[in-house]
Protein backbone atom coordinates (compact mmCIF):
# COMPACT_ATOMS: atom_id res chain seq x y z
CA UNK A 1 0.00 0.00 0.00
CA UNK A 2 1.30 3.44 -0.91
CA UNK A 3 0.04 6.89 0.03
CA UNK A 4 0.49 9.65 -2.51
CA UNK A 5 0.17 13.42 -2.25
CA UNK A 6 -1.86 14.32 -5.32
CA UNK A 7 -1.12 17.97 -6.20
CA UNK A 8 -3.34 17.66 -9.27
CA UNK A 9 -6.64 15.84 -8.87
CA UNK A 10 -7.87 13.48 -11.56
CA UNK A 11 -11.11 14.87 -13.03
CA UNK A 12 -12.68 11.38 -12.94
CA UNK A 13 -12.53 11.41 -9.13
CA UNK A 14 -15.04 13.26 -6.98
CA UNK A 15 -13.85 16.86 -6.63
CA UNK A 16 -15.03 17.07 -3.02
CA UNK A 17 -13.10 13.97 -1.90
CA UNK A 18 -10.25 14.65 0.50
CA UNK A 19 -8.73 11.30 -0.49
CA UNK A 20 -9.56 8.06 -2.26
CA UNK A 21 -8.36 4.48 -1.88
CA UNK A 22 -7.83 2.50 -5.03
CA UNK A 23 -7.50 -1.26 -4.66
CA UNK A 24 -6.20 -3.47 -7.45
CA UNK A 25 -6.57 -7.20 -7.20
CA UNK A 26 -7.67 -10.51 -8.58
CA UNK A 27 -11.19 -11.79 -7.87
CA UNK A 28 -11.39 -15.45 -6.88
CA UNK A 29 -14.42 -17.79 -6.68
CA UNK A 30 -16.51 -15.25 -8.55
CA UNK A 31 -20.23 -15.51 -7.78
CA UNK A 32 -19.82 -18.02 -4.95
CA UNK A 33 -20.26 -17.50 -1.18
CA UNK A 34 -16.46 -17.86 -0.82
CA UNK A 35 -15.73 -15.03 -3.30
CA UNK A 36 -12.87 -12.75 -2.34
CA UNK A 37 -10.36 -10.33 -3.84
CA UNK A 38 -6.64 -11.01 -3.54
CA UNK A 39 -5.18 -7.52 -3.17
CA UNK A 40 -2.17 -6.99 -5.40
CA UNK A 41 -1.74 -3.26 -4.74
CA UNK A 42 -3.54 -0.44 -3.05
CA UNK A 43 -2.97 3.27 -3.45
CA UNK A 44 -4.30 6.13 -1.32
CA UNK A 45 -4.42 9.46 -3.10
CA UNK A 46 -4.59 12.54 -0.85
CA UNK A 47 -6.23 15.51 -2.57
CA UNK A 48 -3.64 18.21 -1.87
CA UNK A 49 -5.87 20.98 -3.17
CA UNK A 50 -7.26 20.96 0.42
CA UNK A 51 -5.34 22.25 3.41
CA UNK A 52 -4.12 19.62 5.86
CA UNK A 53 -2.45 20.04 9.18
CA UNK A 54 0.14 19.55 10.49
CA UNK A 55 1.38 21.06 7.21
CA UNK A 56 -0.67 24.24 7.85
CA UNK A 57 -1.89 25.85 11.10
CA UNK A 58 -5.50 24.74 10.51
CA UNK A 59 -7.20 22.49 8.05
CA UNK A 60 -8.21 18.85 7.75
CA UNK A 61 -6.31 16.43 9.97
CA UNK A 62 -4.05 14.43 7.65
CA UNK A 63 -3.76 11.55 10.13
CA UNK A 64 -7.55 11.21 10.43
CA UNK A 65 -8.01 11.26 6.66
CA UNK A 66 -5.29 8.60 6.23
CA UNK A 67 -6.86 6.51 9.02
CA UNK A 68 -10.24 6.68 7.22
CA UNK A 69 -8.65 5.51 3.95
CA UNK A 70 -6.87 2.69 5.80
CA UNK A 71 -10.32 1.60 6.93
CA UNK A 72 -11.39 1.31 3.30
CA UNK A 73 -8.24 -0.72 2.54
CA UNK A 74 -9.23 -3.11 5.37
CA UNK A 75 -12.71 -3.47 3.91
CA UNK A 76 -14.75 -0.96 5.91
CA UNK A 77 -17.44 1.04 4.19
CA UNK A 78 -18.84 4.44 5.06
CA UNK A 79 -20.93 4.93 8.20
CA UNK A 80 -24.01 7.12 7.97
CA UNK A 81 -25.15 6.97 11.60
CA UNK A 82 -23.33 9.82 13.36
CA UNK A 83 -24.27 8.37 16.76
CA UNK A 84 -21.67 5.59 16.22
CA UNK A 85 -18.06 5.81 17.36
CA UNK A 86 -16.31 5.58 13.96
CA UNK A 87 -13.72 7.18 11.74
CA UNK A 88 -15.61 5.94 8.68
CA UNK A 89 -18.17 8.80 8.31
CA UNK A 90 -18.74 10.02 4.77
CA UNK A 91 -17.50 13.49 5.71
CA UNK A 92 -15.04 14.96 8.15
CA UNK A 93 -15.21 18.44 9.60
CA UNK A 94 -12.50 21.02 9.29
CA UNK A 95 -10.14 20.54 12.28
CA UNK A 96 -11.88 17.27 13.32
CA UNK A 97 -9.42 14.78 14.81
CA UNK A 98 -9.88 11.02 15.16
CA UNK A 99 -7.04 9.70 17.37
CA UNK A 100 -7.72 6.12 16.30
CA UNK A 101 -10.37 3.76 15.02
CA UNK A 102 -13.68 3.98 16.86
CA UNK A 103 -15.45 1.17 18.71
CA UNK A 104 -17.72 0.54 15.73
CA UNK A 105 -14.70 0.24 13.41
CA UNK A 106 -12.94 -2.22 15.73
CA UNK A 107 -16.12 -4.29 16.13
CA UNK A 108 -16.61 -4.50 12.34
CA UNK A 109 -12.95 -5.43 11.78
CA UNK A 110 -13.08 -8.14 14.46
CA UNK A 111 -16.24 -9.53 12.87
CA UNK A 112 -14.84 -9.32 9.33
CA UNK A 113 -11.56 -11.05 10.24
CA UNK A 114 -13.11 -13.34 12.87
CA UNK A 115 -10.81 -12.16 15.62
CA UNK A 116 -12.30 -11.68 19.09
CA UNK A 117 -11.04 -9.83 22.15
CA UNK A 118 -9.11 -12.86 23.50
CA UNK A 119 -7.08 -13.15 20.28
CA UNK A 120 -5.92 -9.52 20.55
CA UNK A 121 -5.09 -9.96 24.25
CA UNK A 122 -2.91 -12.96 23.45
CA UNK A 123 -1.14 -11.02 20.67
CA UNK A 124 -0.54 -8.06 23.03
CA UNK A 125 0.89 -10.39 25.71
CA UNK A 126 3.21 -12.04 23.17
CA UNK A 127 4.41 -8.65 21.95
CA UNK A 128 5.01 -7.43 25.55
CA UNK A 129 7.04 -10.58 26.35
CA UNK A 130 9.35 -10.31 23.35
């Protein structure tokens, strides 16, 4: 996965998008319940026609925008319920900061990748002991 600063924005992309994630892969088991895409490459394009901090005093939080795009790379879609704790909302406010994935994001990722709380506790313990 690569992240690019796009100083010119492709006219085929939404003009209002702060960033986009493009995933390139090979579809396997097409049309079956076990269908999946083997990711070969993924690119995140940051629309540099917007102002991002920390590069400017105020603007959109670059870390939060990148975190949102990483969510897309991991298979998360947009969230439309603003009562949820998520970084995957369709829009982000100027100067809004998401310090990490929200509870809804973590729950969806655990469900998607079939990894529960105990799995992550074991991984953390192993990392702490090494």
